[in-house]
Protein backbone atom coordinates (compact mmCIF):
# COMPACT_ATOMS: atom_id res chain seq x y z
CA MET A 1 4.75 -7.85 28.93
CA ASN A 2 7.83 -5.75 27.51
CA ASN A 3 6.51 -1.96 28.46
CA HIS A 4 7.55 -1.27 24.82
CA LYS A 5 5.55 -4.08 23.48
CA ARG A 6 2.98 -2.39 24.96
CA ILE A 7 3.43 1.28 23.87
CA ILE A 8 4.07 0.14 20.71
CA GLY A 9 0.76 -1.94 20.65
CA ILE A 10 -1.09 0.98 21.93
CA CYS A 11 0.26 3.67 19.24
CA TRP A 12 -0.43 1.27 16.72
CA VAL A 13 -4.43 0.58 17.46
CA VAL A 14 -4.47 4.66 18.03
CA PHE A 15 -2.80 5.14 14.26
CA GLY A 16 -5.13 2.69 12.91
CA ALA A 17 -8.22 4.04 14.37
CA LEU A 18 -6.78 7.51 13.06
CA ILE A 19 -6.55 6.42 9.72
CA ILE A 20 -10.00 5.15 9.60
CA SER A 21 -11.78 7.85 11.44
CA LEU A 22 -10.32 10.39 8.61
CA LEU A 23 -11.26 8.15 6.00
CA MET A 24 -14.79 7.87 7.31
CA LEU A 25 -15.02 11.95 7.40
CA ASN A 26 -13.72 12.14 3.77
CA MET A 27 -15.30 9.17 2.37
CA ASN A 28 -17.48 11.37 0.18
CA ASN A 29 -15.37 13.21 -1.55
CA GLY A 30 -12.62 10.65 -2.63
CA ASN A 31 -12.22 7.65 -4.96
CA ILE A 32 -14.37 4.35 -3.43
CA GLN A 33 -11.18 2.14 -4.19
CA LEU A 34 -9.23 4.74 -1.97
CA VAL A 35 -11.08 4.72 0.55
CA VAL A 36 -11.19 0.85 0.64
CA LEU A 37 -7.65 0.56 0.61
CA GLY A 38 -7.28 2.68 3.29
CA MET A 39 -9.68 0.99 5.39
CA VAL A 40 -7.70 -2.11 4.94
CA ALA A 41 -4.40 -0.54 5.83
CA GLY A 42 -6.38 0.61 9.25
CA LEU A 43 -7.35 -2.49 9.93
CA ILE A 44 -4.19 -3.81 9.49
CA TYR A 45 -2.94 -1.64 12.10
CA LEU A 46 -5.36 -2.23 14.30
CA VAL A 47 -4.68 -5.91 14.20
CA ALA A 48 -1.13 -5.47 14.46
CA GLY A 49 -1.96 -3.15 17.48
CA PHE A 50 -4.28 -5.75 19.20
CA ALA A 51 -1.89 -8.77 18.41
CA LEU A 52 1.00 -6.91 20.47
CA LEU A 53 -1.33 -6.24 23.57
CA ALA A 54 -2.73 -9.99 23.52
CA ASN A 55 1.05 -10.56 23.39
CA PHE A 56 0.59 -13.13 20.56
CA ARG A 57 3.33 -15.70 20.35
CA ARG A 58 3.58 -15.18 16.63
CA SER A 59 2.71 -11.60 16.53
CA THR A 60 6.18 -10.69 14.61
CA TRP A 61 4.57 -12.25 11.37
CA ILE A 62 2.12 -8.85 11.13
CA CYS A 63 4.30 -6.00 13.02
CA LEU A 64 7.00 -6.37 10.68
CA PRO A 65 5.31 -5.82 7.62
CA CYS A 66 2.92 -3.37 9.27
CA SER A 67 6.33 -1.30 10.50
CA ALA A 68 8.00 -1.61 7.18
CA LEU A 69 4.69 -0.09 5.36
CA SER A 70 4.71 2.33 8.45
CA LEU A 71 7.47 3.66 7.37
CA PHE A 72 6.06 5.52 4.61
CA SER A 73 3.48 7.39 6.67
CA PHE A 74 5.34 10.72 7.97
CA PRO A 75 5.98 11.86 10.59
CA LEU A 76 3.67 9.24 13.01
CA GLY A 77 4.00 6.12 11.21
CA THR A 78 7.87 6.64 10.81
CA VAL A 79 8.24 7.10 14.01
CA ILE A 80 6.42 3.85 15.16
CA GLY A 81 7.93 1.82 12.55
CA ILE A 82 11.60 3.15 13.49
CA TYR A 83 10.45 2.26 16.99
CA TYR A 84 8.97 -1.11 16.23
CA LEU A 85 12.29 -1.88 14.42
CA TRP A 86 14.65 -0.86 17.57
CA TYR A 87 12.49 -3.22 19.31
CA TYR A 88 12.80 -5.92 16.86
CA PHE A 89 16.08 -6.16 16.29
CA LYS A 90 17.13 -5.48 19.81
CA LEU A 91 14.89 -8.29 21.04
CA GLU A 92 16.06 -10.48 18.28
CA LYS A 93 19.93 -9.83 19.02
CA SER A 94 19.06 -10.64 22.93
CA LEU A 95 18.11 -14.32 21.56
């Protein structure tokens, strides 16, 4: 398994867990629809991270949209999204 793939997978698992934990802390203060949307986004990041760590063959189907979505989460999500896009296009270029 590639080290870059492992690093990105760990970062997305941590990022998804961070999103979910922050939403749990503010669950009473916010709109329930916003909380549910945030939970879905956090779970998608968790799934993408575990897909990379498990080295699934078609992990790009979930990881590419996650990287595009994470570009809007400044600063941490932007860094992870750019890192995955760099890794993905470097991998595609070598094939």
